[in-house]
């Protein structure tokens, strides 16, 4: 029963901790635990950062459009 709840939450949550876990090469539960500990020690301020990261991850297709523009090289003489 609990594993079913965990799987549902993993599929429908924002995925910020899972994304950081993949990027850093560690388990997402470890990232989640560090986030919880950090939130307790800093009185909940990382929650704002978490929601910003969740927003960016949910809308990353829009952010990729801005980062993939072809920029002229420094070495191009025009």
PDB file of N, CA and C in Angstrom:
ATOM      1  N   UNK A   1       0.819  -1.193   0.000  1.00  0.00           N
ATOM      2  CA  UNK A   1       0.000   0.000   0.000  1.00  0.00           C
ATOM      3  C   UNK A   1       0.866   1.262   0.000  1.00  0.00           C
ATOM      4  N   UNK A   2       1.875   1.275   0.851  1.00  0.00           N
ATOM      5  CA  UNK A   2       2.723   2.458   0.941  1.00  0.00           C
ATOM      6  C   UNK A   2       3.530   2.640  -0.343  1.00  0.00           C
ATOM      7  N   UNK A   3       4.011   1.542  -0.916  1.00  0.00           N
ATOM      8  CA  UNK A   3       4.795   1.673  -2.150  1.00  0.00           C
ATOM      9  C   UNK A   3       3.922   2.211  -3.287  1.00  0.00           C
ATOM     10  N   UNK A   4       2.647   1.874  -3.289  1.00  0.00           N
ATOM     11  CA  UNK A   4       1.739   2.398  -4.300  1.00  0.00           C
ATOM     12  C   UNK A   4       1.555   3.903  -4.148  1.00  0.00           C
ATOM     13  N   UNK A   5       1.478   4.352  -2.922  1.00  0.00           N
ATOM     14  CA  UNK A   5       1.361   5.787  -2.651  1.00  0.00           C
ATOM     15  C   UNK A   5       2.643   6.503  -3.066  1.00  0.00           C
ATOM     16  N   UNK A   6       3.778   5.916  -2.751  1.00  0.00           N
ATOM     17  CA  UNK A   6       5.056   6.524  -3.118  1.00  0.00           C
ATOM     18  C   UNK A   6       5.191   6.601  -4.633  1.00  0.00           C
ATOM     19  N   UNK A   7       4.824   5.533  -5.346  1.00  0.00           N
ATOM     20  CA  UNK A   7       4.892   5.559  -6.811  1.00  0.00           C
ATOM     21  C   UNK A   7       3.959   6.611  -7.397  1.00  0.00           C
ATOM     22  N   UNK A   8       2.762   6.745  -6.837  1.00  0.00           N
ATOM     23  CA  UNK A   8       1.829   7.757  -7.326  1.00  0.00           C
ATOM     24  C   UNK A   8       2.403   9.157  -7.104  1.00  0.00           C
ATOM     25  N   UNK A   9       2.964   9.392  -5.910  1.00  0.00           N
ATOM     26  CA  UNK A   9       3.526  10.696  -5.607  1.00  0.00           C
ATOM     27  C   UNK A   9       4.711  11.005  -6.514  1.00  0.00           C
ATOM     28  N   UNK A  10       5.551  10.012  -6.783  1.00  0.00           N
ATOM     29  CA  UNK A  10       6.693  10.214  -7.671  1.00  0.00           C
ATOM     30  C   UNK A  10       6.226  10.573  -9.083  1.00  0.00           C
ATOM     31  N   UNK A  11       5.144   9.982  -9.536  1.00  0.00           N
ATOM     32  CA  UNK A  11       4.662  10.229 -10.893  1.00  0.00           C
ATOM     33  C   UNK A  11       3.962  11.578 -11.026  1.00  0.00           C
ATOM     34  N   UNK A  12       3.330  12.039  -9.951  1.00  0.00           N
ATOM     35  CA  UNK A  12       2.532  13.258 -10.044  1.00  0.00           C
ATOM     36  C   UNK A  12       3.130  14.464  -9.329  1.00  0.00           C
ATOM     37  N   UNK A  13       4.215  14.284  -8.640  1.00  0.00           N
ATOM     38  CA  UNK A  13       4.858  15.421  -7.978  1.00  0.00           C
ATOM     39  C   UNK A  13       5.660  16.204  -9.012  1.00  0.00           C
ATOM     40  N   UNK A  14       6.223  17.279  -8.585  1.00  0.00           N
ATOM     41  CA  UNK A  14       6.960  18.141  -9.500  1.00  0.00           C
ATOM     42  C   UNK A  14       8.197  17.456 -10.065  1.00  0.00           C
ATOM     43  N   UNK A  15       8.877  16.656  -9.295  1.00  0.00           N
ATOM     44  CA  UNK A  15      10.053  15.953  -9.776  1.00  0.00           C
ATOM     45  C   UNK A  15      11.346  16.716  -9.596  1.00  0.00           C
ATOM     46  N   UNK A  16      11.347  17.718  -8.748  1.00  0.00           N
ATOM     47  CA  UNK A  16      12.553  18.510  -8.537  1.00  0.00           C
ATOM     48  C   UNK A  16      13.637  17.658  -7.883  1.00  0.00           C
ATOM     49  N   UNK A  17      13.289  16.930  -6.835  1.00  0.00           N
ATOM     50  CA  UNK A  17      14.285  16.102  -6.145  1.00  0.00           C
ATOM     51  C   UNK A  17      14.765  14.961  -7.034  1.00  0.00           C
ATOM     52  N   UNK A  18      13.868  14.389  -7.828  1.00  0.00           N
ATOM     53  CA  UNK A  18      14.275  13.327  -8.743  1.00  0.00           C
ATOM     54  C   UNK A  18      15.209  13.870  -9.821  1.00  0.00           C
ATOM     55  N   UNK A  19      14.946  15.082 -10.303  1.00  0.00           N
ATOM     56  CA  UNK A  19      15.805  15.698 -11.314  1.00  0.00           C
ATOM     57  C   UNK A  19      17.193  15.956 -10.736  1.00  0.00           C
ATOM     58  N   UNK A  20      17.249  16.512  -9.513  1.00  0.00           N
ATOM     59  CA  UNK A  20      18.551  16.749  -8.885  1.00  0.00           C
ATOM     60  C   UNK A  20      19.267  15.441  -8.616  1.00  0.00           C
ATOM     61  N   UNK A  21      18.524  14.401  -8.234  1.00  0.00           N
ATOM     62  CA  UNK A  21      19.133  13.097  -8.004  1.00  0.00           C
ATOM     63  C   UNK A  21      19.762  12.532  -9.261  1.00  0.00           C
ATOM     64  N   UNK A  22      19.069  12.668 -10.395  1.00  0.00           N
ATOM     65  CA  UNK A  22      19.633  12.197 -11.670  1.00  0.00           C
ATOM     66  C   UNK A  22      20.859  13.004 -12.055  1.00  0.00           C
ATOM     67  N   UNK A  23      20.798  14.321 -11.874  1.00  0.00           N
ATOM     68  CA  UNK A  23      21.927  15.182 -12.236  1.00  0.00           C
ATOM     69  C   UNK A  23      23.153  14.912 -11.368  1.00  0.00           C
ATOM     70  N   UNK A  24      22.939  14.667 -10.077  1.00  0.00           N
ATOM     71  CA  UNK A  24      24.052  14.465  -9.154  1.00  0.00           C
ATOM     72  C   UNK A  24      24.465  13.003  -9.040  1.00  0.00           C
ATOM     73  N   UNK A  25      23.646  12.096  -9.572  1.00  0.00           N
ATOM     74  CA  UNK A  25      23.973  10.672  -9.523  1.00  0.00           C
ATOM     75  C   UNK A  25      23.720  10.028  -8.169  1.00  0.00           C
ATOM     76  N   UNK A  26      22.752  10.553  -7.411  1.00  0.00           N
ATOM     77  CA  UNK A  26      22.397   9.976  -6.119  1.00  0.00           C
ATOM     78  C   UNK A  26      20.899   9.696  -6.105  1.00  0.00           C
ATOM     79  N   UNK A  27      20.446   8.999  -5.089  1.00  0.00           N
ATOM     80  CA  UNK A  27      19.027   8.658  -4.984  1.00  0.00           C
ATOM     81  C   UNK A  27      18.195   9.909  -4.722  1.00  0.00           C
ATOM     82  N   UNK A  28      16.998   9.917  -5.269  1.00  0.00           N
ATOM     83  CA  UNK A  28      16.120  11.071  -5.060  1.00  0.00           C
ATOM     84  C   UNK A  28      15.650  11.151  -3.612  1.00  0.00           C
ATOM     85  N   UNK A  29      15.565  10.021  -2.924  1.00  0.00           N
ATOM     86  CA  UNK A  29      15.175  10.062  -1.507  1.00  0.00           C
ATOM     87  C   UNK A  29      16.239  10.754  -0.666  1.00  0.00           C
ATOM     88  N   UNK A  30      17.504  10.602  -1.038  1.00  0.00           N
ATOM     89  CA  UNK A  30      18.573  11.297  -0.327  1.00  0.00           C
ATOM     90  C   UNK A  30      18.461  12.800  -0.526  1.00  0.00           C
ATOM     91  N   UNK A  31      18.195  13.217  -1.750  1.00  0.00           N
ATOM     92  CA  UNK A  31      18.013  14.640  -2.022  1.00  0.00           C
ATOM     93  C   UNK A  31      16.814  15.168  -1.246  1.00  0.00           C
ATOM     94  N   UNK A  32      15.747  14.396  -1.215  1.00  0.00           N
ATOM     95  CA  UNK A  32      14.544  14.801  -0.494  1.00  0.00           C
ATOM     96  C   UNK A  32      14.822  14.969   1.001  1.00  0.00           C
ATOM     97  N   UNK A  33      15.572  14.035   1.581  1.00  0.00           N
ATOM     98  CA  UNK A  33      15.884  14.115   3.010  1.00  0.00           C
ATOM     99  C   UNK A  33      16.751  15.336   3.317  1.00  0.00           C
ATOM    100  N   UNK A  34      17.755  15.611   2.470  1.00  0.00           N
ATOM    101  CA  UNK A  34      18.571  16.809   2.672  1.00  0.00           C
ATOM    102  C   UNK A  34      17.729  18.067   2.546  1.00  0.00           C
ATOM    103  N   UNK A  35      16.789  18.063   1.624  1.00  0.00           N
ATOM    104  CA  UNK A  35      15.911  19.220   1.469  1.00  0.00           C
ATOM    105  C   UNK A  35      15.054  19.419   2.718  1.00  0.00           C
ATOM    106  N   UNK A  36      14.549  18.337   3.279  1.00  0.00           N
ATOM    107  CA  UNK A  36      13.732  18.427   4.491  1.00  0.00           C
ATOM    108  C   UNK A  36      14.570  18.935   5.659  1.00  0.00           C
ATOM    109  N   UNK A  37      15.779  18.384   5.827  1.00  0.00           N
ATOM    110  CA  UNK A  37      16.646  18.837   6.914  1.00  0.00           C
ATOM    111  C   UNK A  37      17.006  20.313   6.744  1.00  0.00           C
ATOM    112  N   UNK A  38      17.323  20.700   5.528  1.00  0.00           N
ATOM    113  CA  UNK A  38      17.670  22.095   5.263  1.00  0.00           C
ATOM    114  C   UNK A  38      16.484  23.016   5.539  1.00  0.00           C
ATOM    115  N   UNK A  39      15.293  22.561   5.228  1.00  0.00           N
ATOM    116  CA  UNK A  39      14.101  23.367   5.487  1.00  0.00           C
ATOM    117  C   UNK A  39      13.880  23.572   6.981  1.00  0.00           C
ATOM    118  N   UNK A  40      14.165  22.548   7.783  1.00  0.00           N
ATOM    119  CA  UNK A  40      14.015  22.700   9.234  1.00  0.00           C
ATOM    120  C   UNK A  40      15.057  23.653   9.807  1.00  0.00           C
ATOM    121  N   UNK A  41      16.292  23.553   9.320  1.00  0.00           N
ATOM    122  CA  UNK A  41      17.355  24.395   9.869  1.00  0.00           C
ATOM    123  C   UNK A  41      17.243  25.850   9.427  1.00  0.00           C
ATOM    124  N   UNK A  42      16.641  26.101   8.285  1.00  0.00           N
ATOM    125  CA  UNK A  42      16.539  27.477   7.788  1.00  0.00           C
ATOM    126  C   UNK A  42      15.105  27.999   7.865  1.00  0.00           C
ATOM    127  N   UNK A  43      14.294  27.353   8.656  1.00  0.00           N
ATOM    128  CA  UNK A  43      12.917  27.777   8.914  1.00  0.00           C
ATOM    129  C   UNK A  43      12.058  27.849   7.657  1.00  0.00           C
ATOM    130  N   UNK A  44      12.253  26.939   6.726  1.00  0.00           N
ATOM    131  CA  UNK A  44      11.368  26.810   5.579  1.00  0.00           C
ATOM    132  C   UNK A  44      11.677  27.665   4.380  1.00  0.00           C
ATOM    133  N   UNK A  45      12.762  28.400   4.395  1.00  0.00           N
ATOM    134  CA  UNK A  45      13.047  29.255   3.247  1.00  0.00           C
ATOM    135  C   UNK A  45      13.370  28.489   1.960  1.00  0.00           C
ATOM    136  N   UNK A  46      13.918  27.263   1.985  1.00  0.00           N
ATOM    137  CA  UNK A  46      14.147  26.536   0.728  1.00  0.00           C
ATOM    138  C   UNK A  46      12.869  26.149  -0.011  1.00  0.00           C
ATOM    139  N   UNK A  47      11.735  26.265   0.645  1.00  0.00           N
ATOM    140  CA  UNK A  47      10.478  25.940  -0.023  1.00  0.00           C
ATOM    141  C   UNK A  47      10.236  26.899  -1.190  1.00  0.00           C
ATOM    142  N   UNK A  48      10.614  28.141  -1.036  1.00  0.00           N
ATOM    143  CA  UNK A  48      10.470  29.116  -2.122  1.00  0.00           C
ATOM    144  C   UNK A  48      11.354  28.713  -3.299  1.00  0.00           C
ATOM    145  N   UNK A  49      12.580  28.312  -3.003  1.00  0.00           N
ATOM    146  CA  UNK A  49      13.499  27.862  -4.051  1.00  0.00           C
ATOM    147  C   UNK A  49      12.960  26.610  -4.733  1.00  0.00           C
ATOM    148  N   UNK A  50      12.365  25.697  -3.939  1.00  0.00           N
ATOM    149  CA  UNK A  50      11.786  24.478  -4.496  1.00  0.00           C
ATOM    150  C   UNK A  50      10.673  24.812  -5.483  1.00  0.00           C
ATOM    151  N   UNK A  51       9.795  25.744  -5.133  1.00  0.00           N
ATOM    152  CA  UNK A  51       8.703  26.102  -6.039  1.00  0.00           C
ATOM    153  C   UNK A  51       9.201  26.803  -7.297  1.00  0.00           C
ATOM    154  N   UNK A  52      10.253  27.592  -7.172  1.00  0.00           N
ATOM    155  CA  UNK A  52      10.846  28.220  -8.365  1.00  0.00           C
ATOM    156  C   UNK A  52      11.423  27.145  -9.285  1.00  0.00           C
ATOM    157  N   UNK A  53      12.154  26.175  -8.700  1.00  0.00           N
ATOM    158  CA  UNK A  53      12.712  25.090  -9.513  1.00  0.00           C
ATOM    159  C   UNK A  53      11.603  24.243 -10.130  1.00  0.00           C
ATOM    160  N   UNK A  54      10.519  24.025  -9.396  1.00  0.00           N
ATOM    161  CA  UNK A  54       9.399  23.260  -9.935  1.00  0.00           C
ATOM    162  C   UNK A  54       8.758  23.986 -11.107  1.00  0.00           C
ATOM    163  N   UNK A  55       8.621  25.306 -10.985  1.00  0.00           N
ATOM    164  CA  UNK A  55       8.058  26.091 -12.081  1.00  0.00           C
ATOM    165  C   UNK A  55       8.937  25.991 -13.323  1.00  0.00           C
ATOM    166  N   UNK A  56      10.245  26.116 -13.134  1.00  0.00           N
ATOM    167  CA  UNK A  56      11.165  26.036 -14.267  1.00  0.00           C
ATOM    168  C   UNK A  56      11.138  24.645 -14.902  1.00  0.00           C
ATOM    169  N   UNK A  57      11.095  23.596 -14.084  1.00  0.00           N
ATOM    170  CA  UNK A  57      11.051  22.240 -14.638  1.00  0.00           C
ATOM    171  C   UNK A  57       9.742  21.956 -15.363  1.00  0.00           C
ATOM    172  N   UNK A  58       8.643  22.497 -14.863  1.00  0.00           N
ATOM    173  CA  UNK A  58       7.357  22.287 -15.520  1.00  0.00           C
ATOM    174  C   UNK A  58       7.265  23.029 -16.853  1.00  0.00           C
ATOM    175  N   UNK A  59       7.977  24.141 -16.989  1.00  0.00           N
ATOM    176  CA  UNK A  59       7.915  24.967 -18.194  1.00  0.00           C
ATOM    177  C   UNK A  59       9.257  25.040 -18.905  1.00  0.00           C
ATOM    178  N   UNK A  60      10.053  23.987 -18.804  1.00  0.00           N
ATOM    179  CA  UNK A  60      11.403  24.045 -19.370  1.00  0.00           C
ATOM    180  C   UNK A  60      11.419  24.132 -20.889  1.00  0.00           C
ATOM    181  N   UNK A  61      10.345  23.746 -21.558  1.00  0.00           N
ATOM    182  CA  UNK A  61      10.324  23.870 -23.017  1.00  0.00           C
ATOM    183  C   UNK A  61      10.343  25.337 -23.437  1.00  0.00           C
ATOM    184  N   UNK A  62       9.779  26.223 -22.624  1.00  0.00           N
ATOM    185  CA  UNK A  62       9.808  27.651 -22.943  1.00  0.00           C
ATOM    186  C   UNK A  62      11.179  28.258 -22.668  1.00  0.00           C
ATOM    187  N   UNK A  63      11.848  27.780 -21.628  1.00  0.00           N
ATOM    188  CA  UNK A  63      13.170  28.292 -21.304  1.00  0.00           C
ATOM    189  C   UNK A  63      14.215  27.813 -22.297  1.00  0.00           C
ATOM    190  N   UNK A  64      14.018  26.645 -22.888  1.00  0.00           N
ATOM    191  CA  UNK A  64      14.959  26.139 -23.881  1.00  0.00           C
ATOM    192  C   UNK A  64      14.920  26.975 -25.154  1.00  0.00           C
ATOM    193  N   UNK A  65      13.785  27.557 -25.463  1.00  0.00           N
ATOM    194  CA  UNK A  65      13.693  28.393 -26.656  1.00  0.00           C
ATOM    195  C   UNK A  65      14.618  29.598 -26.559  1.00  0.00           C
ATOM    196  N   UNK A  66      14.734  30.164 -25.369  1.00  0.00           N
ATOM    197  CA  UNK A  66      15.578  31.339 -25.193  1.00  0.00           C
ATOM    198  C   UNK A  66      17.058  30.984 -25.149  1.00  0.00           C
ATOM    199  N   UNK A  67      17.388  29.804 -24.666  1.00  0.00           N
ATOM    200  CA  UNK A  67      18.796  29.452 -24.516  1.00  0.00           C
ATOM    201  C   UNK A  67      19.407  28.896 -25.795  1.00  0.00           C
ATOM    202  N   UNK A  68      18.619  28.540 -26.787  1.00  0.00           N
ATOM    203  CA  UNK A  68      19.141  27.931 -28.002  1.00  0.00           C
ATOM    204  C   UNK A  68      19.287  28.902 -29.165  1.00  0.00           C
ATOM    205  N   UNK A  69      19.182  30.171 -28.905  1.00  0.00           N
ATOM    206  CA  UNK A  69      19.375  31.137 -29.982  1.00  0.00           C
ATOM    207  C   UNK A  69      20.819  31.085 -30.458  1.00  0.00           C
ATOM    208  N   UNK A  70      20.985  31.252 -31.737  1.00  0.00           N
ATOM    209  CA  UNK A  70      22.330  31.262 -32.309  1.00  0.00           C
ATOM    210  C   UNK A  70      22.962  32.616 -32.038  1.00  0.00           C
ATOM    211  N   UNK A  71      23.985  32.598 -31.245  1.00  0.00           N
ATOM    212  CA  UNK A  71      24.679  33.836 -30.927  1.00  0.00           C
ATOM    213  C   UNK A  71      25.905  33.951 -31.831  1.00  0.00           C
ATOM    214  N   UNK A  72      26.192  35.135 -32.283  1.00  0.00           N
ATOM    215  CA  UNK A  72      27.403  35.281 -33.099  1.00  0.00           C
ATOM    216  C   UNK A  72      28.637  35.064 -32.243  1.00  0.00           C
ATOM    217  N   UNK A  73      29.626  34.507 -32.839  1.00  0.00           N
ATOM    218  CA  UNK A  73      30.866  34.241 -32.155  1.00  0.00           C
ATOM    219  C   UNK A  73      31.657  35.532 -31.958  1.00  0.00           C
ATOM    220  N   UNK A  74      32.512  35.535 -31.005  1.00  0.00           N
ATOM    221  CA  UNK A  74      33.381  36.671 -30.770  1.00  0.00           C
ATOM    222  C   UNK A  74      34.326  36.860 -31.952  1.00  0.00           C
ATOM    223  N   UNK A  75      34.641  35.757 -32.614  1.00  0.00           N
ATOM    224  CA  UNK A  75      35.616  35.779 -33.693  1.00  0.00           C
ATOM    225  C   UNK A  75      35.008  36.163 -35.031  1.00  0.00           C
ATOM    226  N   UNK A  76      33.679  36.258 -35.109  1.00  0.00           N
ATOM    227  CA  UNK A  76      33.042  36.667 -36.366  1.00  0.00           C
ATOM    228  C   UNK A  76      33.206  38.176 -36.558  1.00  0.00           C
ATOM    229  N   UNK A  77      33.717  38.548 -37.716  1.00  0.00           N
ATOM    230  CA  UNK A  77      33.882  39.967 -38.025  1.00  0.00           C
ATOM    231  C   UNK A  77      32.768  40.345 -39.000  1.00  0.00           C
ATOM    232  N   UNK A  78      32.005  41.331 -38.614  1.00  0.00           N
ATOM    233  CA  UNK A  78      30.909  41.753 -39.479  1.00  0.00           C
ATOM    234  C   UNK A  78      31.042  43.179 -39.873  1.00  0.00           C
TER     235      UNK A  78
END
